[in-house]
């Protein structure tokens, strides 16, 4: 087996400057259900496979597209999102990984379960 690394060119549409070379990058689509504003901010995204909890240790290292001008802690209004994250444990949190990017789908709201 041979491992090949592919980098996205800086001028590519989906380039994210916050993805690091060692990241195990994953992407999920779902509904942003909650923002937990503890010592480390966490976004809870509901997917078809369950809730994915994503930590943001440094808010200045998050690429957000079509995002609202500001976020409010607590339950969210069921915004449809695509989240890109580095899978793995995050020290001091119960998270599935570090959120590197999130894209909000404008005008799309999902019904509560």
PDB file of N, CA and C in Angstrom:
ATOM      1  N   UNK A   1       0.841  -1.174   0.000  1.00  0.00           N
ATOM      2  CA  UNK A   1       0.000   0.000   0.000  1.00  0.00           C
ATOM      3  C   UNK A   1       0.890   1.242   0.000  1.00  0.00           C
ATOM      4  N   UNK A   2       0.501   2.232  -0.767  1.00  0.00           N
ATOM      5  CA  UNK A   2       1.255   3.479  -0.851  1.00  0.00           C
ATOM      6  C   UNK A   2       0.349   4.626  -0.445  1.00  0.00           C
ATOM      7  N   UNK A   3       0.859   5.494   0.384  1.00  0.00           N
ATOM      8  CA  UNK A   3       0.109   6.652   0.843  1.00  0.00           C
ATOM      9  C   UNK A   3       0.430   7.841  -0.049  1.00  0.00           C
ATOM     10  N   UNK A   4      -0.615   8.501  -0.523  1.00  0.00           N
ATOM     11  CA  UNK A   4      -0.426   9.693  -1.348  1.00  0.00           C
ATOM     12  C   UNK A   4      -1.106  10.865  -0.667  1.00  0.00           C
ATOM     13  N   UNK A   5      -0.405  11.961  -0.552  1.00  0.00           N
ATOM     14  CA  UNK A   5      -0.951  13.163   0.063  1.00  0.00           C
ATOM     15  C   UNK A   5      -1.353  14.129  -1.039  1.00  0.00           C
ATOM     16  N   UNK A   6      -2.541  14.689  -0.898  1.00  0.00           N
ATOM     17  CA  UNK A   6      -3.017  15.663  -1.871  1.00  0.00           C
ATOM     18  C   UNK A   6      -3.333  16.956  -1.150  1.00  0.00           C
ATOM     19  N   UNK A   7      -2.813  18.037  -1.624  1.00  0.00           N
ATOM     20  CA  UNK A   7      -3.099  19.345  -1.049  1.00  0.00           C
ATOM     21  C   UNK A   7      -3.981  20.110  -2.028  1.00  0.00           C
ATOM     22  N   UNK A   8      -4.892  20.880  -1.503  1.00  0.00           N
ATOM     23  CA  UNK A   8      -5.774  21.691  -2.325  1.00  0.00           C
ATOM     24  C   UNK A   8      -5.062  23.012  -2.604  1.00  0.00           C
ATOM     25  N   UNK A   9      -4.993  23.429  -3.873  1.00  0.00           N
ATOM     26  CA  UNK A   9      -4.337  24.708  -4.190  1.00  0.00           C
ATOM     27  C   UNK A   9      -5.005  25.872  -3.471  1.00  0.00           C
ATOM     28  N   UNK A  10      -4.231  26.874  -3.110  1.00  0.00           N
ATOM     29  CA  UNK A  10      -4.738  28.016  -2.351  1.00  0.00           C
ATOM     30  C   UNK A  10      -5.859  28.746  -3.058  1.00  0.00           C
ATOM     31  N   UNK A  11      -5.890  28.738  -4.381  1.00  0.00           N
ATOM     32  CA  UNK A  11      -6.934  29.461  -5.094  1.00  0.00           C
ATOM     33  C   UNK A  11      -8.148  28.591  -5.391  1.00  0.00           C
ATOM     34  N   UNK A  12      -8.180  27.362  -4.882  1.00  0.00           N
ATOM     35  CA  UNK A  12      -9.316  26.473  -5.097  1.00  0.00           C
ATOM     36  C   UNK A  12     -10.508  26.942  -4.268  1.00  0.00           C
ATOM     37  N   UNK A  13     -11.707  26.662  -4.758  1.00  0.00           N
ATOM     38  CA  UNK A  13     -12.930  27.109  -4.094  1.00  0.00           C
ATOM     39  C   UNK A  13     -13.075  26.531  -2.685  1.00  0.00           C
ATOM     40  N   UNK A  14     -12.639  25.289  -2.476  1.00  0.00           N
ATOM     41  CA  UNK A  14     -12.830  24.652  -1.173  1.00  0.00           C
ATOM     42  C   UNK A  14     -11.566  24.636  -0.307  1.00  0.00           C
ATOM     43  N   UNK A  15     -10.618  25.513  -0.589  1.00  0.00           N
ATOM     44  CA  UNK A  15      -9.390  25.582   0.202  1.00  0.00           C
ATOM     45  C   UNK A  15      -9.703  26.114   1.589  1.00  0.00           C
ATOM     46  N   UNK A  16      -9.158  25.460   2.606  1.00  0.00           N
ATOM     47  CA  UNK A  16      -9.351  25.893   3.995  1.00  0.00           C
ATOM     48  C   UNK A  16      -7.972  26.052   4.631  1.00  0.00           C
ATOM     49  N   UNK A  17      -7.585  27.260   5.003  1.00  0.00           N
ATOM     50  CA  UNK A  17      -6.250  27.493   5.557  1.00  0.00           C
ATOM     51  C   UNK A  17      -6.043  26.894   6.942  1.00  0.00           C
ATOM     52  N   UNK A  18      -7.111  26.417   7.585  1.00  0.00           N
ATOM     53  CA  UNK A  18      -6.994  25.913   8.948  1.00  0.00           C
ATOM     54  C   UNK A  18      -6.837  24.398   9.028  1.00  0.00           C
ATOM     55  N   UNK A  19      -6.895  23.712   7.897  1.00  0.00           N
ATOM     56  CA  UNK A  19      -6.635  22.273   7.883  1.00  0.00           C
ATOM     57  C   UNK A  19      -5.127  22.081   7.946  1.00  0.00           C
ATOM     58  N   UNK A  20      -4.707  21.273   8.924  1.00  0.00           N
ATOM     59  CA  UNK A  20      -3.281  21.050   9.143  1.00  0.00           C
ATOM     60  C   UNK A  20      -2.842  19.753   8.476  1.00  0.00           C
ATOM     61  N   UNK A  21      -1.565  19.639   8.104  1.00  0.00           N
ATOM     62  CA  UNK A  21      -1.074  18.469   7.377  1.00  0.00           C
ATOM     63  C   UNK A  21      -1.380  17.114   8.038  1.00  0.00           C
ATOM     64  N   UNK A  22      -1.375  17.024   9.355  1.00  0.00           N
ATOM     65  CA  UNK A  22      -1.618  15.750  10.028  1.00  0.00           C
ATOM     66  C   UNK A  22      -3.076  15.450  10.325  1.00  0.00           C
ATOM     67  N   UNK A  23      -3.998  16.324   9.914  1.00  0.00           N
ATOM     68  CA  UNK A  23      -5.415  16.146  10.222  1.00  0.00           C
ATOM     69  C   UNK A  23      -6.022  14.942   9.513  1.00  0.00           C
ATOM     70  N   UNK A  24      -6.874  14.217  10.240  1.00  0.00           N
ATOM     71  CA  UNK A  24      -7.715  13.163   9.669  1.00  0.00           C
ATOM     72  C   UNK A  24      -9.028  13.856   9.324  1.00  0.00           C
ATOM     73  N   UNK A  25      -9.099  14.436   8.132  1.00  0.00           N
ATOM     74  CA  UNK A  25     -10.206  15.304   7.744  1.00  0.00           C
ATOM     75  C   UNK A  25     -11.455  14.495   7.413  1.00  0.00           C
ATOM     76  N   UNK A  26     -12.555  14.931   7.997  1.00  0.00           N
ATOM     77  CA  UNK A  26     -13.862  14.320   7.734  1.00  0.00           C
ATOM     78  C   UNK A  26     -14.869  15.427   7.439  1.00  0.00           C
ATOM     79  N   UNK A  27     -15.932  15.055   6.747  1.00  0.00           N
ATOM     80  CA  UNK A  27     -16.974  16.018   6.400  1.00  0.00           C
ATOM     81  C   UNK A  27     -18.329  15.394   6.715  1.00  0.00           C
ATOM     82  N   UNK A  28     -19.196  16.163   7.366  1.00  0.00           N
ATOM     83  CA  UNK A  28     -20.557  15.709   7.652  1.00  0.00           C
ATOM     84  C   UNK A  28     -21.547  16.795   7.267  1.00  0.00           C
ATOM     85  N   UNK A  29     -22.735  16.355   6.874  1.00  0.00           N
ATOM     86  CA  UNK A  29     -23.838  17.269   6.613  1.00  0.00           C
ATOM     87  C   UNK A  29     -24.905  17.007   7.649  1.00  0.00           C
ATOM     88  N   UNK A  30     -25.537  18.061   8.106  1.00  0.00           N
ATOM     89  CA  UNK A  30     -26.568  17.875   9.108  1.00  0.00           C
ATOM     90  C   UNK A  30     -27.178  19.188   9.517  1.00  0.00           C
ATOM     91  N   UNK A  31     -27.666  19.202  10.753  1.00  0.00           N
ATOM     92  CA  UNK A  31     -28.355  20.348  11.308  1.00  0.00           C
ATOM     93  C   UNK A  31     -27.629  20.821  12.559  1.00  0.00           C
ATOM     94  N   UNK A  32     -27.276  22.097  12.597  1.00  0.00           N
ATOM     95  CA  UNK A  32     -26.652  22.661  13.796  1.00  0.00           C
ATOM     96  C   UNK A  32     -27.728  22.769  14.866  1.00  0.00           C
ATOM     97  N   UNK A  33     -27.579  22.000  15.939  1.00  0.00           N
ATOM     98  CA  UNK A  33     -28.590  21.950  16.989  1.00  0.00           C
ATOM     99  C   UNK A  33     -28.245  22.811  18.197  1.00  0.00           C
ATOM    100  N   UNK A  34     -26.951  22.900  18.514  1.00  0.00           N
ATOM    101  CA  UNK A  34     -26.582  23.623  19.734  1.00  0.00           C
ATOM    102  C   UNK A  34     -25.162  24.142  19.639  1.00  0.00           C
ATOM    103  N   UNK A  35     -24.922  25.272  20.300  1.00  0.00           N
ATOM    104  CA  UNK A  35     -23.574  25.794  20.485  1.00  0.00           C
ATOM    105  C   UNK A  35     -23.343  25.846  21.986  1.00  0.00           C
ATOM    106  N   UNK A  36     -22.355  25.089  22.442  1.00  0.00           N
ATOM    107  CA  UNK A  36     -22.002  25.021  23.863  1.00  0.00           C
ATOM    108  C   UNK A  36     -20.800  25.933  24.078  1.00  0.00           C
ATOM    109  N   UNK A  37     -20.993  26.987  24.855  1.00  0.00           N
ATOM    110  CA  UNK A  37     -19.942  27.978  25.070  1.00  0.00           C
ATOM    111  C   UNK A  37     -19.270  27.775  26.419  1.00  0.00           C
ATOM    112  N   UNK A  38     -18.605  26.654  26.599  1.00  0.00           N
ATOM    113  CA  UNK A  38     -17.851  26.392  27.819  1.00  0.00           C
ATOM    114  C   UNK A  38     -16.430  26.893  27.672  1.00  0.00           C
ATOM    115  N   UNK A  39     -15.503  26.256  28.395  1.00  0.00           N
ATOM    116  CA  UNK A  39     -14.086  26.628  28.305  1.00  0.00           C
ATOM    117  C   UNK A  39     -13.600  26.497  26.860  1.00  0.00           C
ATOM    118  N   UNK A  40     -14.114  25.476  26.162  1.00  0.00           N
ATOM    119  CA  UNK A  40     -13.860  25.296  24.734  1.00  0.00           C
ATOM    120  C   UNK A  40     -15.229  25.273  24.053  1.00  0.00           C
ATOM    121  N   UNK A  41     -15.429  26.121  23.063  1.00  0.00           N
ATOM    122  CA  UNK A  41     -16.698  26.164  22.348  1.00  0.00           C
ATOM    123  C   UNK A  41     -16.898  24.869  21.577  1.00  0.00           C
ATOM    124  N   UNK A  42     -18.132  24.351  21.616  1.00  0.00           N
ATOM    125  CA  UNK A  42     -18.458  23.127  20.881  1.00  0.00           C
ATOM    126  C   UNK A  42     -19.724  23.341  20.064  1.00  0.00           C
ATOM    127  N   UNK A  43     -19.715  22.839  18.821  1.00  0.00           N
ATOM    128  CA  UNK A  43     -20.899  22.834  17.970  1.00  0.00           C
ATOM    129  C   UNK A  43     -21.431  21.410  17.942  1.00  0.00           C
ATOM    130  N   UNK A  44     -22.725  21.236  18.157  1.00  0.00           N
ATOM    131  CA  UNK A  44     -23.361  19.933  18.092  1.00  0.00           C
ATOM    132  C   UNK A  44     -24.173  19.870  16.807  1.00  0.00           C
ATOM    133  N   UNK A  45     -23.757  18.967  15.914  1.00  0.00           N
ATOM    134  CA  UNK A  45     -24.380  18.822  14.603  1.00  0.00           C
ATOM    135  C   UNK A  45     -25.098  17.485  14.556  1.00  0.00           C
ATOM    136  N   UNK A  46     -26.399  17.532  14.290  1.00  0.00           N
ATOM    137  CA  UNK A  46     -27.175  16.300  14.173  1.00  0.00           C
ATOM    138  C   UNK A  46     -27.088  15.804  12.737  1.00  0.00           C
ATOM    139  N   UNK A  47     -26.642  14.549  12.585  1.00  0.00           N
ATOM    140  CA  UNK A  47     -26.523  13.932  11.267  1.00  0.00           C
ATOM    141  C   UNK A  47     -27.440  12.714  11.216  1.00  0.00           C
ATOM    142  N   UNK A  48     -27.497  12.064  10.070  1.00  0.00           N
ATOM    143  CA  UNK A  48     -28.312  10.849   9.950  1.00  0.00           C
ATOM    144  C   UNK A  48     -27.756   9.716  10.798  1.00  0.00           C
ATOM    145  N   UNK A  49     -26.497   9.816  11.213  1.00  0.00           N
ATOM    146  CA  UNK A  49     -25.862   8.783  12.046  1.00  0.00           C
ATOM    147  C   UNK A  49     -25.782   9.168  13.521  1.00  0.00           C
ATOM    148  N   UNK A  50     -26.391  10.273  13.890  1.00  0.00           N
ATOM    149  CA  UNK A  50     -26.347  10.728  15.272  1.00  0.00           C
ATOM    150  C   UNK A  50     -25.695  12.092  15.388  1.00  0.00           C
ATOM    151  N   UNK A  51     -25.510  12.525  16.629  1.00  0.00           N
ATOM    152  CA  UNK A  51     -24.943  13.848  16.889  1.00  0.00           C
ATOM    153  C   UNK A  51     -23.415  13.777  16.863  1.00  0.00           C
ATOM    154  N   UNK A  52     -22.804  14.715  16.145  1.00  0.00           N
ATOM    155  CA  UNK A  52     -21.354  14.860  16.104  1.00  0.00           C
ATOM    156  C   UNK A  52     -21.024  16.132  16.886  1.00  0.00           C
ATOM    157  N   UNK A  53     -20.162  16.001  17.882  1.00  0.00           N
ATOM    158  CA  UNK A  53     -19.770  17.136  18.716  1.00  0.00           C
ATOM    159  C   UNK A  53     -18.386  17.592  18.280  1.00  0.00           C
ATOM    160  N   UNK A  54     -18.282  18.859  17.904  1.00  0.00           N
ATOM    161  CA  UNK A  54     -17.043  19.392  17.344  1.00  0.00           C
ATOM    162  C   UNK A  54     -16.543  20.580  18.162  1.00  0.00           C
ATOM    163  N   UNK A  55     -15.314  20.485  18.608  1.00  0.00           N
ATOM    164  CA  UNK A  55     -14.703  21.525  19.437  1.00  0.00           C
ATOM    165  C   UNK A  55     -14.032  22.589  18.582  1.00  0.00           C
ATOM    166  N   UNK A  56     -14.016  23.795  19.128  1.00  0.00           N
ATOM    167  CA  UNK A  56     -13.308  24.909  18.487  1.00  0.00           C
ATOM    168  C   UNK A  56     -12.390  25.512  19.541  1.00  0.00           C
ATOM    169  N   UNK A  57     -11.172  24.962  19.683  1.00  0.00           N
ATOM    170  CA  UNK A  57     -10.255  25.490  20.706  1.00  0.00           C
ATOM    171  C   UNK A  57      -9.852  26.943  20.464  1.00  0.00           C
ATOM    172  N   UNK A  58      -9.810  27.358  19.193  1.00  0.00           N
ATOM    173  CA  UNK A  58      -9.407  28.722  18.847  1.00  0.00           C
ATOM    174  C   UNK A  58     -10.376  29.240  17.791  1.00  0.00           C
ATOM    175  N   UNK A  59     -11.274  30.137  18.200  1.00  0.00           N
ATOM    176  CA  UNK A  59     -12.301  30.645  17.279  1.00  0.00           C
ATOM    177  C   UNK A  59     -11.729  31.395  16.085  1.00  0.00           C
ATOM    178  N   UNK A  60     -10.485  31.849  16.191  1.00  0.00           N
ATOM    179  CA  UNK A  60      -9.879  32.553  15.056  1.00  0.00           C
ATOM    180  C   UNK A  60      -9.347  31.575  14.006  1.00  0.00           C
ATOM    181  N   UNK A  61      -9.486  30.266  14.278  1.00  0.00           N
ATOM    182  CA  UNK A  61      -9.042  29.242  13.329  1.00  0.00           C
ATOM    183  C   UNK A  61     -10.214  28.403  12.849  1.00  0.00           C
ATOM    184  N   UNK A  62     -11.295  29.084  12.465  1.00  0.00           N
ATOM    185  CA  UNK A  62     -12.477  28.430  11.931  1.00  0.00           C
ATOM    186  C   UNK A  62     -12.896  29.146  10.657  1.00  0.00           C
ATOM    187  N   UNK A  63     -13.005  28.398   9.574  1.00  0.00           N
ATOM    188  CA  UNK A  63     -13.512  28.967   8.327  1.00  0.00           C
ATOM    189  C   UNK A  63     -15.032  28.805   8.337  1.00  0.00           C
ATOM    190  N   UNK A  64     -15.765  29.919   8.280  1.00  0.00           N
ATOM    191  CA  UNK A  64     -17.226  29.884   8.283  1.00  0.00           C
ATOM    192  C   UNK A  64     -17.738  30.556   7.016  1.00  0.00           C
ATOM    193  N   UNK A  65     -18.528  29.808   6.259  1.00  0.00           N
ATOM    194  CA  UNK A  65     -19.098  30.334   5.013  1.00  0.00           C
ATOM    195  C   UNK A  65     -20.603  30.483   5.165  1.00  0.00           C
ATOM    196  N   UNK A  66     -21.140  31.595   4.661  1.00  0.00           N
ATOM    197  CA  UNK A  66     -22.571  31.897   4.721  1.00  0.00           C
ATOM    198  C   UNK A  66     -23.084  31.879   6.166  1.00  0.00           C
ATOM    199  N   UNK A  67     -22.210  32.173   7.107  1.00  0.00           N
ATOM    200  CA  UNK A  67     -22.553  32.125   8.529  1.00  0.00           C
ATOM    201  C   UNK A  67     -23.273  33.411   8.947  1.00  0.00           C
ATOM    202  N   UNK A  68     -24.059  33.321  10.025  1.00  0.00           N
ATOM    203  CA  UNK A  68     -24.651  34.548  10.551  1.00  0.00           C
ATOM    204  C   UNK A  68     -23.543  35.473  11.058  1.00  0.00           C
ATOM    205  N   UNK A  69     -23.840  36.763  11.214  1.00  0.00           N
ATOM    206  CA  UNK A  69     -22.809  37.709  11.653  1.00  0.00           C
ATOM    207  C   UNK A  69     -22.232  37.394  13.031  1.00  0.00           C
ATOM    208  N   UNK A  70     -23.034  36.763  13.886  1.00  0.00           N
ATOM    209  CA  UNK A  70     -22.538  36.341  15.195  1.00  0.00           C
ATOM    210  C   UNK A  70     -23.315  35.110  15.632  1.00  0.00           C
ATOM    211  N   UNK A  71     -22.712  34.366  16.558  1.00  0.00           N
ATOM    212  CA  UNK A  71     -23.329  33.155  17.073  1.00  0.00           C
ATOM    213  C   UNK A  71     -23.835  33.419  18.487  1.00  0.00           C
ATOM    214  N   UNK A  72     -24.893  32.732  18.852  1.00  0.00           N
ATOM    215  CA  UNK A  72     -25.450  32.811  20.197  1.00  0.00           C
ATOM    216  C   UNK A  72     -25.351  31.431  20.825  1.00  0.00           C
ATOM    217  N   UNK A  73     -24.928  31.370  22.067  1.00  0.00           N
ATOM    218  CA  UNK A  73     -24.810  30.089  22.761  1.00  0.00           C
ATOM    219  C   UNK A  73     -26.186  29.488  22.998  1.00  0.00           C
ATOM    220  N   UNK A  74     -26.224  28.153  23.080  1.00  0.00           N
ATOM    221  CA  UNK A  74     -27.467  27.455  23.379  1.00  0.00           C
ATOM    222  C   UNK A  74     -28.062  26.797  22.148  1.00  0.00           C
ATOM    223  N   UNK A  75     -29.356  26.451  22.260  1.00  0.00           N
ATOM    224  CA  UNK A  75     -30.064  25.784  21.169  1.00  0.00           C
ATOM    225  C   UNK A  75     -30.102  26.689  19.938  1.00  0.00           C
ATOM    226  N   UNK A  76     -30.028  26.072  18.762  1.00  0.00           N
ATOM    227  CA  UNK A  76     -30.006  26.809  17.503  1.00  0.00           C
ATOM    228  C   UNK A  76     -31.308  26.604  16.732  1.00  0.00           C
ATOM    229  N   UNK A  77     -31.502  27.384  15.679  1.00  0.00           N
ATOM    230  CA  UNK A  77     -32.723  27.365  14.883  1.00  0.00           C
ATOM    231  C   UNK A  77     -32.673  26.363  13.734  1.00  0.00           C
ATOM    232  N   UNK A  78     -32.041  25.235  13.938  1.00  0.00           N
ATOM    233  CA  UNK A  78     -32.032  24.143  12.960  1.00  0.00           C
ATOM    234  C   UNK A  78     -31.474  24.537  11.596  1.00  0.00           C
ATOM    235  N   UNK A  79     -30.335  25.195  11.564  1.00  0.00           N
ATOM    236  CA  UNK A  79     -29.688  25.561  10.311  1.00  0.00           C
ATOM    237  C   UNK A  79     -29.013  24.350   9.676  1.00  0.00           C
ATOM    238  N   UNK A  80     -29.183  24.218   8.377  1.00  0.00           N
ATOM    239  CA  UNK A  80     -28.536  23.148   7.631  1.00  0.00           C
ATOM    240  C   UNK A  80     -27.072  23.539   7.402  1.00  0.00           C
ATOM    241  N   UNK A  81     -26.144  22.624   7.751  1.00  0.00           N
ATOM    242  CA  UNK A  81     -24.721  22.928   7.651  1.00  0.00           C
ATOM    243  C   UNK A  81     -23.933  21.756   7.073  1.00  0.00           C
ATOM    244  N   UNK A  82     -22.775  22.071   6.549  1.00  0.00           N
ATOM    245  CA  UNK A  82     -21.758  21.085   6.200  1.00  0.00           C
ATOM    246  C   UNK A  82     -20.542  21.442   7.043  1.00  0.00           C
ATOM    247  N   UNK A  83     -20.070  20.469   7.826  1.00  0.00           N
ATOM    248  CA  UNK A  83     -18.948  20.708   8.732  1.00  0.00           C
ATOM    249  C   UNK A  83     -17.741  19.892   8.298  1.00  0.00           C
ATOM    250  N   UNK A  84     -16.580  20.530   8.285  1.00  0.00           N
ATOM    251  CA  UNK A  84     -15.309  19.861   7.987  1.00  0.00           C
ATOM    252  C   UNK A  84     -14.506  19.880   9.278  1.00  0.00           C
ATOM    253  N   UNK A  85     -14.033  18.690   9.699  1.00  0.00           N
ATOM    254  CA  UNK A  85     -13.340  18.627  10.977  1.00  0.00           C
ATOM    255  C   UNK A  85     -12.181  17.645  10.954  1.00  0.00           C
ATOM    256  N   UNK A  86     -11.275  17.839  11.903  1.00  0.00           N
ATOM    257  CA  UNK A  86     -10.157  16.925  12.111  1.00  0.00           C
ATOM    258  C   UNK A  86     -10.602  15.944  13.187  1.00  0.00           C
ATOM    259  N   UNK A  87     -10.799  14.686  12.795  1.00  0.00           N
ATOM    260  CA  UNK A  87     -11.289  13.672  13.730  1.00  0.00           C
ATOM    261  C   UNK A  87     -10.243  13.376  14.791  1.00  0.00           C
ATOM    262  N   UNK A  88     -10.718  13.062  15.987  1.00  0.00           N
ATOM    263  CA  UNK A  88      -9.833  12.704  17.086  1.00  0.00           C
ATOM    264  C   UNK A  88     -10.270  13.375  18.367  1.00  0.00           C
ATOM    265  N   UNK A  89      -9.732  12.902  19.467  1.00  0.00           N
ATOM    266  CA  UNK A  89     -10.113  13.463  20.758  1.00  0.00           C
ATOM    267  C   UNK A  89      -9.496  14.854  20.930  1.00  0.00           C
ATOM    268  N   UNK A  90     -10.190  15.658  21.702  1.00  0.00           N
ATOM    269  CA  UNK A  90      -9.736  17.011  21.995  1.00  0.00           C
ATOM    270  C   UNK A  90      -9.598  17.111  23.506  1.00  0.00           C
ATOM    271  N   UNK A  91      -8.389  17.376  23.963  1.00  0.00           N
ATOM    272  CA  UNK A  91      -8.106  17.399  25.401  1.00  0.00           C
ATOM    273  C   UNK A  91      -9.058  18.326  26.140  1.00  0.00           C
ATOM    274  N   UNK A  92      -9.625  17.810  27.219  1.00  0.00           N
ATOM    275  CA  UNK A  92     -10.491  18.614  28.063  1.00  0.00           C
ATOM    276  C   UNK A  92     -11.921  18.753  27.573  1.00  0.00           C
ATOM    277  N   UNK A  93     -12.277  18.052  26.486  1.00  0.00           N
ATOM    278  CA  UNK A  93     -13.644  18.142  25.971  1.00  0.00           C
ATOM    279  C   UNK A  93     -14.155  16.750  25.638  1.00  0.00           C
ATOM    280  N   UNK A  94     -15.450  16.660  25.514  1.00  0.00           N
ATOM    281  CA  UNK A  94     -16.048  15.439  24.966  1.00  0.00           C
ATOM    282  C   UNK A  94     -16.452  15.783  23.541  1.00  0.00           C
ATOM    283  N   UNK A  95     -15.503  15.682  22.641  1.00  0.00           N
ATOM    284  CA  UNK A  95     -15.742  16.057  21.249  1.00  0.00           C
ATOM    285  C   UNK A  95     -15.205  14.971  20.324  1.00  0.00           C
ATOM    286  N   UNK A  96     -15.800  14.919  19.135  1.00  0.00           N
ATOM    287  CA  UNK A  96     -15.387  13.949  18.121  1.00  0.00           C
ATOM    288  C   UNK A  96     -14.236  14.467  17.268  1.00  0.00           C
ATOM    289  N   UNK A  97     -13.918  15.743  17.411  1.00  0.00           N
ATOM    290  CA  UNK A  97     -12.831  16.322  16.644  1.00  0.00           C
ATOM    291  C   UNK A  97     -12.834  17.837  16.739  1.00  0.00           C
ATOM    292  N   UNK A  98     -11.923  18.447  15.978  1.00  0.00           N
ATOM    293  CA  UNK A  98     -11.788  19.909  15.950  1.00  0.00           C
ATOM    294  C   UNK A  98     -12.441  20.430  14.679  1.00  0.00           C
ATOM    295  N   UNK A  99     -13.388  21.334  14.839  1.00  0.00           N
ATOM    296  CA  UNK A  99     -14.074  21.929  13.704  1.00  0.00           C
ATOM    297  C   UNK A  99     -13.118  22.860  12.975  1.00  0.00           C
ATOM    298  N   UNK A 100     -12.873  22.590  11.690  1.00  0.00           N
ATOM    299  CA  UNK A 100     -11.982  23.426  10.876  1.00  0.00           C
ATOM    300  C   UNK A 100     -12.752  24.358   9.953  1.00  0.00           C
ATOM    301  N   UNK A 101     -13.963  23.935   9.564  1.00  0.00           N
ATOM    302  CA  UNK A 101     -14.773  24.754   8.675  1.00  0.00           C
ATOM    303  C   UNK A 101     -16.232  24.373   8.769  1.00  0.00           C
ATOM    304  N   UNK A 102     -17.099  25.358   8.573  1.00  0.00           N
ATOM    305  CA  UNK A 102     -18.534  25.101   8.578  1.00  0.00           C
ATOM    306  C   UNK A 102     -19.172  25.984   7.511  1.00  0.00           C
ATOM    307  N   UNK A 103     -20.063  25.393   6.740  1.00  0.00           N
ATOM    308  CA  UNK A 103     -20.779  26.144   5.714  1.00  0.00           C
ATOM    309  C   UNK A 103     -22.271  26.029   5.989  1.00  0.00           C
ATOM    310  N   UNK A 104     -22.919  27.176   6.097  1.00  0.00           N
ATOM    311  CA  UNK A 104     -24.359  27.225   6.303  1.00  0.00           C
ATOM    312  C   UNK A 104     -25.027  27.270   4.935  1.00  0.00           C
ATOM    313  N   UNK A 105     -26.078  26.487   4.755  1.00  0.00           N
ATOM    314  CA  UNK A 105     -26.832  26.507   3.509  1.00  0.00           C
ATOM    315  C   UNK A 105     -27.881  27.601   3.635  1.00  0.00           C
ATOM    316  N   UNK A 106     -27.711  28.702   2.876  1.00  0.00           N
ATOM    317  CA  UNK A 106     -28.610  29.852   3.023  1.00  0.00           C
ATOM    318  C   UNK A 106     -30.067  29.465   2.777  1.00  0.00           C
ATOM    319  N   UNK A 107     -30.943  29.938   3.677  1.00  0.00           N
ATOM    320  CA  UNK A 107     -32.373  29.756   3.502  1.00  0.00           C
ATOM    321  C   UNK A 107     -32.903  28.358   3.801  1.00  0.00           C
ATOM    322  N   UNK A 108     -32.033  27.408   4.159  1.00  0.00           N
ATOM    323  CA  UNK A 108     -32.493  26.049   4.423  1.00  0.00           C
ATOM    324  C   UNK A 108     -32.575  25.828   5.920  1.00  0.00           C
ATOM    325  N   UNK A 109     -33.757  25.503   6.386  1.00  0.00           N
ATOM    326  CA  UNK A 109     -33.998  25.155   7.774  1.00  0.00           C
ATOM    327  C   UNK A 109     -34.549  23.740   7.789  1.00  0.00           C
ATOM    328  N   UNK A 110     -34.149  22.974   8.763  1.00  0.00           N
ATOM    329  CA  UNK A 110     -34.646  21.613   8.879  1.00  0.00           C
ATOM    330  C   UNK A 110     -35.655  21.557  10.005  1.00  0.00           C
ATOM    331  N   UNK A 111     -36.627  20.667   9.856  1.00  0.00           N
ATOM    332  CA  UNK A 111     -37.648  20.504  10.897  1.00  0.00           C
ATOM    333  C   UNK A 111     -37.055  19.816  12.099  1.00  0.00           C
ATOM    334  N   UNK A 112     -37.540  20.170  13.271  1.00  0.00           N
ATOM    335  CA  UNK A 112     -37.119  19.489  14.494  1.00  0.00           C
ATOM    336  C   UNK A 112     -37.617  18.062  14.465  1.00  0.00           C
ATOM    337  N   UNK A 113     -36.827  17.123  15.040  1.00  0.00           N
ATOM    338  CA  UNK A 113     -37.254  15.726  15.011  1.00  0.00           C
ATOM    339  C   UNK A 113     -38.480  15.502  15.869  1.00  0.00           C
TER     340      UNK A 113
END
